[in-house]
Amino acid sequence: MDSENGRELEAILDNFYDKTTSKHAAYTLRAWVKDEKPARTNISAWASDWLAKCKQIEANLDWKAMRALLFLHSLGPSFQTFFDIATSSDTPTDLQDLIRRAEDHGRGRESDEREISRALQCTEKKAPPRTDHHGNGDQMRPCRNCGDRYHCRAECFKPGGGLSHMTEEEKQDWVDARRRRREQNAKKRKRPSKTTEEANLCAQLALENKRLREKMKSADKTLGEHGYGGMVDLEF
């Protein structure tokens, strides 16, 4: 502080400790809405805790802001990125503007998914069906997650697929890597021996696996900052 005024100091401390960031307030509201009383907790204790959280939320959000955040929550997990963007600075209050932005975000996401799907179909010109039933079926074609005949569940971008954790940028990088590998193989005049080809493929897959693990670690760290740490499975 530039001055030694006690009242100014109290105001600064109250503002610092009693107020929360927009994103923190948004996540607090969403957690409060989803919260349910544990089976062995009595009503009195639960009501006391519930009202304390309610008081904290009301201290940082008015009804317009709550209504906007509840709309964001209703969009579901597929709009998690939009949820983070919308709450990154000021808490949104204009519901109609938020709906328009959500529509734009949804159209952009659907367009990206269509482009990635077409790119996968181009890179996978021949995709013989897998008829084996060993293991959990992650390598079988058509995909046991979405039904697409050009990839298996382990390579599926949609929720429930092996690559669903990737961001749009990471998905595009993965598709580009597959395309480049196929183009490089097509340009070779002499086909290498089976042993050499397998060794090269193993090296490329190891490099790609290392790169994906690094990105997944980074994603897990980011999730940890928002209280969702440990959700990314790095054991593969």
C-alpha atoms as a PDB file:
ATOM      1  CA  MET A   1       0.000   0.000   0.000  1.00  0.00           C
ATOM      2  CA  ASP A   2       1.055   3.562  -0.684  1.00  0.00           C
ATOM      3  CA  SER A   3      -0.719   4.848   2.438  1.00  0.00           C
ATOM      4  CA  GLU A   4      -1.048   3.669   6.047  1.00  0.00           C
ATOM      5  CA  ASN A   5      -4.817   4.019   6.229  1.00  0.00           C
ATOM      6  CA  GLY A   6      -6.272   1.129   8.259  1.00  0.00           C
ATOM      7  CA  ARG A   7      -9.678   1.230   6.588  1.00  0.00           C
ATOM      8  CA  GLU A   8      -8.128   0.993   3.132  1.00  0.00           C
ATOM      9  CA  LEU A   9      -6.113  -2.025   4.286  1.00  0.00           C
ATOM     10  CA  GLU A  10      -9.264  -3.740   5.599  1.00  0.00           C
ATOM     11  CA  ALA A  11     -11.058  -3.091   2.304  1.00  0.00           C
ATOM     12  CA  ILE A  12      -8.177  -4.575   0.310  1.00  0.00           C
ATOM     13  CA  LEU A  13      -7.995  -7.654   2.550  1.00  0.00           C
ATOM     14  CA  ASP A  14     -11.764  -8.188   2.377  1.00  0.00           C
ATOM     15  CA  ASN A  15     -11.715  -7.922  -1.408  1.00  0.00           C
ATOM     16  CA  PHE A  16      -8.762 -10.321  -1.678  1.00  0.00           C
ATOM     17  CA  TYR A  17     -10.003 -13.036   0.668  1.00  0.00           C
ATOM     18  CA  ASP A  18     -13.792 -12.763   0.384  1.00  0.00           C
ATOM     19  CA  LYS A  19     -13.997 -12.579  -3.410  1.00  0.00           C
ATOM     20  CA  THR A  20     -13.171 -15.400  -5.785  1.00  0.00           C
ATOM     21  CA  THR A  21     -12.223 -15.448  -9.458  1.00  0.00           C
ATOM     22  CA  SER A  22     -14.939 -15.883 -12.063  1.00  0.00           C
ATOM     23  CA  LYS A  23     -13.731 -19.372 -12.970  1.00  0.00           C
ATOM     24  CA  HIS A  24     -13.517 -20.453  -9.320  1.00  0.00           C
ATOM     25  CA  ALA A  25     -17.042 -19.155  -8.681  1.00  0.00           C
ATOM     26  CA  ALA A  26     -18.299 -21.016 -11.771  1.00  0.00           C
ATOM     27  CA  TYR A  27     -16.785 -24.323 -10.687  1.00  0.00           C
ATOM     28  CA  THR A  28     -18.050 -23.831  -7.126  1.00  0.00           C
ATOM     29  CA  LEU A  29     -21.603 -23.318  -8.407  1.00  0.00           C
ATOM     30  CA  ARG A  30     -21.405 -26.347 -10.677  1.00  0.00           C
ATOM     31  CA  ALA A  31     -20.081 -28.567  -7.865  1.00  0.00           C
ATOM     32  CA  TRP A  32     -22.800 -27.263  -5.531  1.00  0.00           C
ATOM     33  CA  VAL A  33     -25.554 -28.065  -8.059  1.00  0.00           C
ATOM     34  CA  LYS A  34     -24.272 -31.640  -8.512  1.00  0.00           C
ATOM     35  CA  ASP A  35     -23.692 -32.225  -4.790  1.00  0.00           C
ATOM     36  CA  GLU A  36     -25.852 -34.847  -3.046  1.00  0.00           C
ATOM     37  CA  LYS A  37     -26.222 -35.802   0.608  1.00  0.00           C
ATOM     38  CA  PRO A  38     -24.171 -38.892   1.549  1.00  0.00           C
ATOM     39  CA  ALA A  39     -26.280 -41.780   2.796  1.00  0.00           C
ATOM     40  CA  ARG A  40     -24.917 -41.714   6.363  1.00  0.00           C
ATOM     41  CA  THR A  41     -25.008 -37.923   6.857  1.00  0.00           C
ATOM     42  CA  ASN A  42     -27.901 -36.554   8.914  1.00  0.00           C
ATOM     43  CA  ILE A  43     -30.089 -33.784   7.535  1.00  0.00           C
ATOM     44  CA  SER A  44     -28.983 -31.174  10.066  1.00  0.00           C
ATOM     45  CA  ALA A  45     -25.285 -31.504   9.288  1.00  0.00           C
ATOM     46  CA  TRP A  46     -25.935 -31.674   5.561  1.00  0.00           C
ATOM     47  CA  ALA A  47     -28.205 -28.608   5.596  1.00  0.00           C
ATOM     48  CA  SER A  48     -25.578 -26.617   7.509  1.00  0.00           C
ATOM     49  CA  ASP A  49     -22.875 -27.474   4.989  1.00  0.00           C
ATOM     50  CA  TRP A  50     -25.228 -26.897   2.029  1.00  0.00           C
ATOM     51  CA  LEU A  51     -26.272 -23.457   3.303  1.00  0.00           C
ATOM     52  CA  ALA A  52     -22.649 -22.467   3.928  1.00  0.00           C
ATOM     53  CA  LYS A  53     -21.804 -23.236   0.296  1.00  0.00           C
ATOM     54  CA  CYS A  54     -24.935 -21.405  -0.819  1.00  0.00           C
ATOM     55  CA  LYS A  55     -23.882 -18.320   1.152  1.00  0.00           C
ATOM     56  CA  GLN A  56     -20.438 -18.392  -0.426  1.00  0.00           C
ATOM     57  CA  ILE A  57     -21.946 -18.598  -3.922  1.00  0.00           C
ATOM     58  CA  GLU A  58     -24.444 -15.779  -3.293  1.00  0.00           C
ATOM     59  CA  ALA A  59     -21.581 -13.568  -2.082  1.00  0.00           C
ATOM     60  CA  ASN A  60     -19.906 -13.814  -5.483  1.00  0.00           C
ATOM     61  CA  LEU A  61     -22.747 -14.382  -7.968  1.00  0.00           C
ATOM     62  CA  ASP A  62     -26.107 -12.748  -8.592  1.00  0.00           C
ATOM     63  CA  TRP A  63     -29.060 -14.557 -10.200  1.00  0.00           C
ATOM     64  CA  LYS A  64     -28.191 -13.472 -13.768  1.00  0.00           C
ATOM     65  CA  ALA A  65     -24.685 -14.865 -13.407  1.00  0.00           C
ATOM     66  CA  MET A  66     -26.004 -18.086 -11.841  1.00  0.00           C
ATOM     67  CA  ARG A  67     -28.513 -18.525 -14.656  1.00  0.00           C
ATOM     68  CA  ALA A  68     -25.766 -18.096 -17.272  1.00  0.00           C
ATOM     69  CA  LEU A  69     -23.471 -20.561 -15.500  1.00  0.00           C
ATOM     70  CA  LEU A  70     -26.256 -23.117 -15.129  1.00  0.00           C
ATOM     71  CA  PHE A  71     -26.841 -22.873 -18.878  1.00  0.00           C
ATOM     72  CA  LEU A  72     -23.126 -23.528 -19.483  1.00  0.00           C
ATOM     73  CA  HIS A  73     -23.318 -26.525 -17.152  1.00  0.00           C
ATOM     74  CA  SER A  74     -26.334 -27.893 -19.051  1.00  0.00           C
ATOM     75  CA  LEU A  75     -24.302 -28.098 -22.302  1.00  0.00           C
ATOM     76  CA  GLY A  76     -22.438 -31.128 -20.951  1.00  0.00           C
ATOM     77  CA  PRO A  77     -18.807 -32.360 -21.056  1.00  0.00           C
ATOM     78  CA  SER A  78     -18.382 -31.806 -24.818  1.00  0.00           C
ATOM     79  CA  PHE A  79     -18.557 -28.033 -24.206  1.00  0.00           C
ATOM     80  CA  GLN A  80     -15.982 -28.050 -21.375  1.00  0.00           C
ATOM     81  CA  THR A  81     -13.572 -25.932 -23.430  1.00  0.00           C
ATOM     82  CA  PHE A  82     -16.293 -23.355 -24.069  1.00  0.00           C
ATOM     83  CA  PHE A  83     -17.148 -23.378 -20.336  1.00  0.00           C
ATOM     84  CA  ASP A  84     -13.518 -22.509 -19.501  1.00  0.00           C
ATOM     85  CA  ILE A  85     -13.362 -19.785 -22.168  1.00  0.00           C
ATOM     86  CA  ALA A  86     -16.649 -18.178 -21.110  1.00  0.00           C
ATOM     87  CA  THR A  87     -15.602 -18.025 -17.437  1.00  0.00           C
ATOM     88  CA  SER A  88     -11.940 -17.122 -17.957  1.00  0.00           C
ATOM     89  CA  SER A  89     -12.381 -13.388 -17.304  1.00  0.00           C
ATOM     90  CA  ASP A  90     -15.651 -11.845 -16.102  1.00  0.00           C
ATOM     91  CA  THR A  91     -18.575 -14.020 -15.059  1.00  0.00           C
ATOM     92  CA  PRO A  92     -21.033 -14.074 -18.006  1.00  0.00           C
ATOM     93  CA  THR A  93     -24.443 -12.512 -17.343  1.00  0.00           C
ATOM     94  CA  ASP A  94     -25.939 -11.940 -20.821  1.00  0.00           C
ATOM     95  CA  LEU A  95     -27.682 -15.258 -21.452  1.00  0.00           C
ATOM     96  CA  GLN A  96     -28.711 -14.516 -25.065  1.00  0.00           C
ATOM     97  CA  ASP A  97     -25.149 -13.553 -25.998  1.00  0.00           C
ATOM     98  CA  LEU A  98     -23.900 -16.727 -24.302  1.00  0.00           C
ATOM     99  CA  ILE A  99     -26.352 -18.866 -26.283  1.00  0.00           C
ATOM    100  CA  ARG A 100     -25.199 -17.325 -29.576  1.00  0.00           C
ATOM    101  CA  ARG A 101     -21.556 -17.914 -28.679  1.00  0.00           C
ATOM    102  CA  ALA A 102     -22.322 -21.515 -27.715  1.00  0.00           C
ATOM    103  CA  GLU A 103     -24.012 -22.066 -31.091  1.00  0.00           C
ATOM    104  CA  ASP A 104     -20.940 -20.704 -32.899  1.00  0.00           C
ATOM    105  CA  HIS A 105     -18.651 -22.891 -30.815  1.00  0.00           C
ATOM    106  CA  GLY A 106     -20.814 -25.943 -31.500  1.00  0.00           C
ATOM    107  CA  ARG A 107     -20.822 -25.349 -35.262  1.00  0.00           C
ATOM    108  CA  GLY A 108     -17.045 -24.941 -35.276  1.00  0.00           C
ATOM    109  CA  ARG A 109     -16.540 -28.137 -33.271  1.00  0.00           C
ATOM    110  CA  GLU A 110     -18.846 -30.156 -35.535  1.00  0.00           C
ATOM    111  CA  SER A 111     -17.036 -28.807 -38.600  1.00  0.00           C
ATOM    112  CA  ASP A 112     -13.665 -29.820 -37.161  1.00  0.00           C
ATOM    113  CA  GLU A 113     -14.947 -33.321 -36.382  1.00  0.00           C
ATOM    114  CA  ARG A 114     -16.231 -33.743 -39.949  1.00  0.00           C
ATOM    115  CA  GLU A 115     -12.893 -32.613 -41.411  1.00  0.00           C
ATOM    116  CA  ILE A 116     -10.954 -34.992 -39.174  1.00  0.00           C
ATOM    117  CA  SER A 117     -13.315 -37.840 -40.077  1.00  0.00           C
ATOM    118  CA  ARG A 118     -12.817 -37.161 -43.801  1.00  0.00           C
ATOM    119  CA  ALA A 119      -9.055 -36.965 -43.306  1.00  0.00           C
ATOM    120  CA  LEU A 120      -9.082 -40.322 -41.553  1.00  0.00           C
ATOM    121  CA  GLN A 121     -11.048 -41.865 -44.409  1.00  0.00           C
ATOM    122  CA  CYS A 122      -8.465 -40.564 -46.890  1.00  0.00           C
ATOM    123  CA  THR A 123      -5.523 -41.910 -44.917  1.00  0.00           C
ATOM    124  CA  GLU A 124      -7.231 -45.260 -44.364  1.00  0.00           C
ATOM    125  CA  LYS A 125      -8.059 -46.216 -47.947  1.00  0.00           C
ATOM    126  CA  LYS A 126      -7.982 -49.896 -47.155  1.00  0.00           C
ATOM    127  CA  ALA A 127      -9.198 -50.938 -43.774  1.00  0.00           C
ATOM    128  CA  PRO A 128      -9.697 -54.710 -43.673  1.00  0.00           C
ATOM    129  CA  PRO A 129     -12.161 -55.787 -41.003  1.00  0.00           C
ATOM    130  CA  ARG A 130     -10.773 -57.407 -37.885  1.00  0.00           C
ATOM    131  CA  THR A 131     -12.502 -60.662 -37.072  1.00  0.00           C
ATOM    132  CA  ASP A 132     -10.516 -61.672 -34.006  1.00  0.00           C
ATOM    133  CA  HIS A 133     -12.269 -61.562 -30.667  1.00  0.00           C
ATOM    134  CA  HIS A 134      -9.241 -61.625 -28.391  1.00  0.00           C
ATOM    135  CA  GLY A 135      -8.762 -59.059 -25.622  1.00  0.00           C
ATOM    136  CA  ASN A 136     -11.280 -56.283 -25.080  1.00  0.00           C
ATOM    137  CA  GLY A 137     -11.940 -55.578 -28.773  1.00  0.00           C
ATOM    138  CA  ASP A 138     -10.100 -52.223 -28.873  1.00  0.00           C
ATOM    139  CA  GLN A 139      -8.303 -53.206 -32.115  1.00  0.00           C
ATOM    140  CA  MET A 140     -11.339 -54.560 -33.943  1.00  0.00           C
ATOM    141  CA  ARG A 141     -12.892 -52.927 -37.026  1.00  0.00           C
ATOM    142  CA  PRO A 142     -15.522 -51.573 -37.408  1.00  0.00           C
ATOM    143  CA  CYS A 143     -15.017 -49.416 -34.325  1.00  0.00           C
ATOM    144  CA  ARG A 144     -16.855 -50.901 -31.340  1.00  0.00           C
ATOM    145  CA  ASN A 145     -17.331 -47.371 -29.970  1.00  0.00           C
ATOM    146  CA  CYS A 146     -18.901 -45.455 -32.881  1.00  0.00           C
ATOM    147  CA  GLY A 147     -19.272 -48.057 -35.658  1.00  0.00           C
ATOM    148  CA  ASP A 148     -16.882 -46.387 -38.132  1.00  0.00           C
ATOM    149  CA  ARG A 149     -15.340 -48.995 -40.448  1.00  0.00           C
ATOM    150  CA  TYR A 150     -12.076 -47.092 -40.992  1.00  0.00           C
ATOM    151  CA  HIS A 151     -10.691 -47.263 -37.462  1.00  0.00           C
ATOM    152  CA  CYS A 152     -10.881 -49.244 -34.211  1.00  0.00           C
ATOM    153  CA  ARG A 153     -11.938 -48.137 -30.723  1.00  0.00           C
ATOM    154  CA  ALA A 154      -8.308 -47.525 -29.696  1.00  0.00           C
ATOM    155  CA  GLU A 155      -8.067 -44.892 -32.477  1.00  0.00           C
ATOM    156  CA  CYS A 156     -11.534 -43.362 -31.971  1.00  0.00           C
ATOM    157  CA  PHE A 157     -11.821 -39.619 -31.203  1.00  0.00           C
ATOM    158  CA  LYS A 158     -15.420 -39.753 -29.957  1.00  0.00           C
ATOM    159  CA  PRO A 159     -16.357 -40.075 -26.242  1.00  0.00           C
ATOM    160  CA  GLY A 160     -15.474 -43.580 -25.101  1.00  0.00           C
ATOM    161  CA  GLY A 161     -12.723 -43.979 -27.700  1.00  0.00           C
ATOM    162  CA  GLY A 162      -9.034 -44.404 -27.001  1.00  0.00           C
ATOM    163  CA  LEU A 163      -8.159 -40.924 -28.308  1.00  0.00           C
ATOM    164  CA  SER A 164     -11.176 -39.021 -26.947  1.00  0.00           C
ATOM    165  CA  HIS A 165      -8.948 -37.246 -24.409  1.00  0.00           C
ATOM    166  CA  MET A 166      -7.136 -35.302 -27.152  1.00  0.00           C
ATOM    167  CA  THR A 167      -7.807 -31.658 -27.926  1.00  0.00           C
ATOM    168  CA  GLU A 168      -8.829 -30.646 -31.457  1.00  0.00           C
ATOM    169  CA  GLU A 169      -5.236 -29.572 -32.150  1.00  0.00           C
ATOM    170  CA  GLU A 170      -3.827 -32.888 -30.927  1.00  0.00           C
ATOM    171  CA  LYS A 171      -6.337 -34.820 -33.048  1.00  0.00           C
ATOM    172  CA  GLN A 172      -5.289 -32.887 -36.144  1.00  0.00           C
ATOM    173  CA  ASP A 173      -1.596 -33.497 -35.327  1.00  0.00           C
ATOM    174  CA  TRP A 174      -2.312 -37.205 -35.004  1.00  0.00           C
ATOM    175  CA  VAL A 175      -4.105 -37.295 -38.370  1.00  0.00           C
ATOM    176  CA  ASP A 176      -1.298 -35.303 -40.015  1.00  0.00           C
ATOM    177  CA  ALA A 177       1.319 -37.697 -38.630  1.00  0.00           C
ATOM    178  CA  ARG A 178      -0.551 -40.671 -40.091  1.00  0.00           C
ATOM    179  CA  ARG A 179      -0.868 -38.935 -43.437  1.00  0.00           C
ATOM    180  CA  ARG A 180       2.820 -37.978 -43.585  1.00  0.00           C
ATOM    181  CA  ARG A 181       3.882 -41.514 -42.762  1.00  0.00           C
ATOM    182  CA  ARG A 182       1.749 -42.908 -45.556  1.00  0.00           C
ATOM    183  CA  GLU A 183       2.975 -40.314 -48.075  1.00  0.00           C
ATOM    184  CA  GLN A 184       6.604 -41.074 -47.214  1.00  0.00           C
ATOM    185  CA  ASN A 185       6.024 -44.784 -47.734  1.00  0.00           C
ATOM    186  CA  ALA A 186       4.326 -44.122 -51.080  1.00  0.00           C
ATOM    187  CA  LYS A 187       7.330 -42.120 -52.364  1.00  0.00           C
ATOM    188  CA  LYS A 188       9.820 -44.907 -51.735  1.00  0.00           C
ATOM    189  CA  ARG A 189      10.690 -46.664 -54.989  1.00  0.00           C
ATOM    190  CA  LYS A 190      11.967 -49.827 -53.390  1.00  0.00           C
ATOM    191  CA  ARG A 191       9.935 -51.416 -50.719  1.00  0.00           C
ATOM    192  CA  PRO A 192      12.206 -52.204 -47.749  1.00  0.00           C
ATOM    193  CA  SER A 193      12.449 -55.664 -46.320  1.00  0.00           C
ATOM    194  CA  LYS A 194       9.788 -56.764 -43.890  1.00  0.00           C
ATOM    195  CA  THR A 195      12.260 -56.670 -40.999  1.00  0.00           C
ATOM    196  CA  THR A 196      13.404 -53.123 -41.840  1.00  0.00           C
ATOM    197  CA  GLU A 197       9.832 -51.951 -42.364  1.00  0.00           C
ATOM    198  CA  GLU A 198       8.736 -53.350 -39.004  1.00  0.00           C
ATOM    199  CA  ALA A 199      11.717 -51.720 -37.276  1.00  0.00           C
ATOM    200  CA  ASN A 200      10.918 -48.334 -38.832  1.00  0.00           C
ATOM    201  CA  LEU A 201       7.259 -48.637 -37.881  1.00  0.00           C
ATOM    202  CA  CYS A 202       8.167 -49.538 -34.302  1.00  0.00           C
ATOM    203  CA  ALA A 203      10.496 -46.526 -34.097  1.00  0.00           C
ATOM    204  CA  GLN A 204       7.808 -44.202 -35.473  1.00  0.00           C
ATOM    205  CA  LEU A 205       5.187 -45.594 -33.114  1.00  0.00           C
ATOM    206  CA  ALA A 206       7.563 -45.257 -30.162  1.00  0.00           C
ATOM    207  CA  LEU A 207       8.230 -41.615 -31.082  1.00  0.00           C
ATOM    208  CA  GLU A 208       4.518 -40.933 -31.520  1.00  0.00           C
ATOM    209  CA  ASN A 209       3.746 -42.688 -28.236  1.00  0.00           C
ATOM    210  CA  LYS A 210       6.351 -40.563 -26.426  1.00  0.00           C
ATOM    211  CA  ARG A 211       4.887 -37.398 -27.892  1.00  0.00           C
ATOM    212  CA  LEU A 212       1.346 -38.369 -26.910  1.00  0.00           C
ATOM    213  CA  ARG A 213       2.452 -39.215 -23.364  1.00  0.00           C
ATOM    214  CA  GLU A 214       4.052 -35.780 -23.024  1.00  0.00           C
ATOM    215  CA  LYS A 215       0.847 -34.092 -24.182  1.00  0.00           C
ATOM    216  CA  MET A 216      -1.235 -36.252 -21.854  1.00  0.00           C
ATOM    217  CA  LYS A 217       1.001 -35.353 -18.905  1.00  0.00           C
ATOM    218  CA  SER A 218       0.549 -31.692 -19.767  1.00  0.00           C
ATOM    219  CA  ALA A 219      -3.228 -32.171 -19.999  1.00  0.00           C
ATOM    220  CA  ASP A 220      -3.266 -33.977 -16.649  1.00  0.00           C
ATOM    221  CA  LYS A 221      -1.336 -31.107 -15.067  1.00  0.00           C
ATOM    222  CA  THR A 222      -3.841 -28.592 -16.469  1.00  0.00           C
ATOM    223  CA  LEU A 223      -6.754 -30.692 -15.190  1.00  0.00           C
ATOM    224  CA  GLY A 224      -5.070 -30.830 -11.794  1.00  0.00           C
ATOM    225  CA  GLU A 225      -5.084 -27.054 -11.611  1.00  0.00           C
ATOM    226  CA  HIS A 226      -8.889 -27.192 -11.910  1.00  0.00           C
ATOM    227  CA  GLY A 227      -9.319 -29.977  -9.380  1.00  0.00           C
ATOM    228  CA  TYR A 228      -9.612 -32.840 -11.867  1.00  0.00           C
ATOM    229  CA  GLY A 229      -6.104 -34.261 -11.519  1.00  0.00           C
ATOM    230  CA  GLY A 230      -5.525 -37.985 -12.097  1.00  0.00           C
ATOM    231  CA  MET A 231      -8.311 -38.316 -14.687  1.00  0.00           C
ATOM    232  CA  VAL A 232      -5.880 -38.951 -17.566  1.00  0.00           C
ATOM    233  CA  ASP A 233      -4.647 -42.563 -17.707  1.00  0.00           C
ATOM    234  CA  LEU A 234      -0.915 -42.511 -18.533  1.00  0.00           C
ATOM    235  CA  GLU A 235      -0.439 -46.291 -18.216  1.00  0.00           C
ATOM    236  CA  PHE A 236      -0.283 -47.444 -21.806  1.00  0.00           C
END
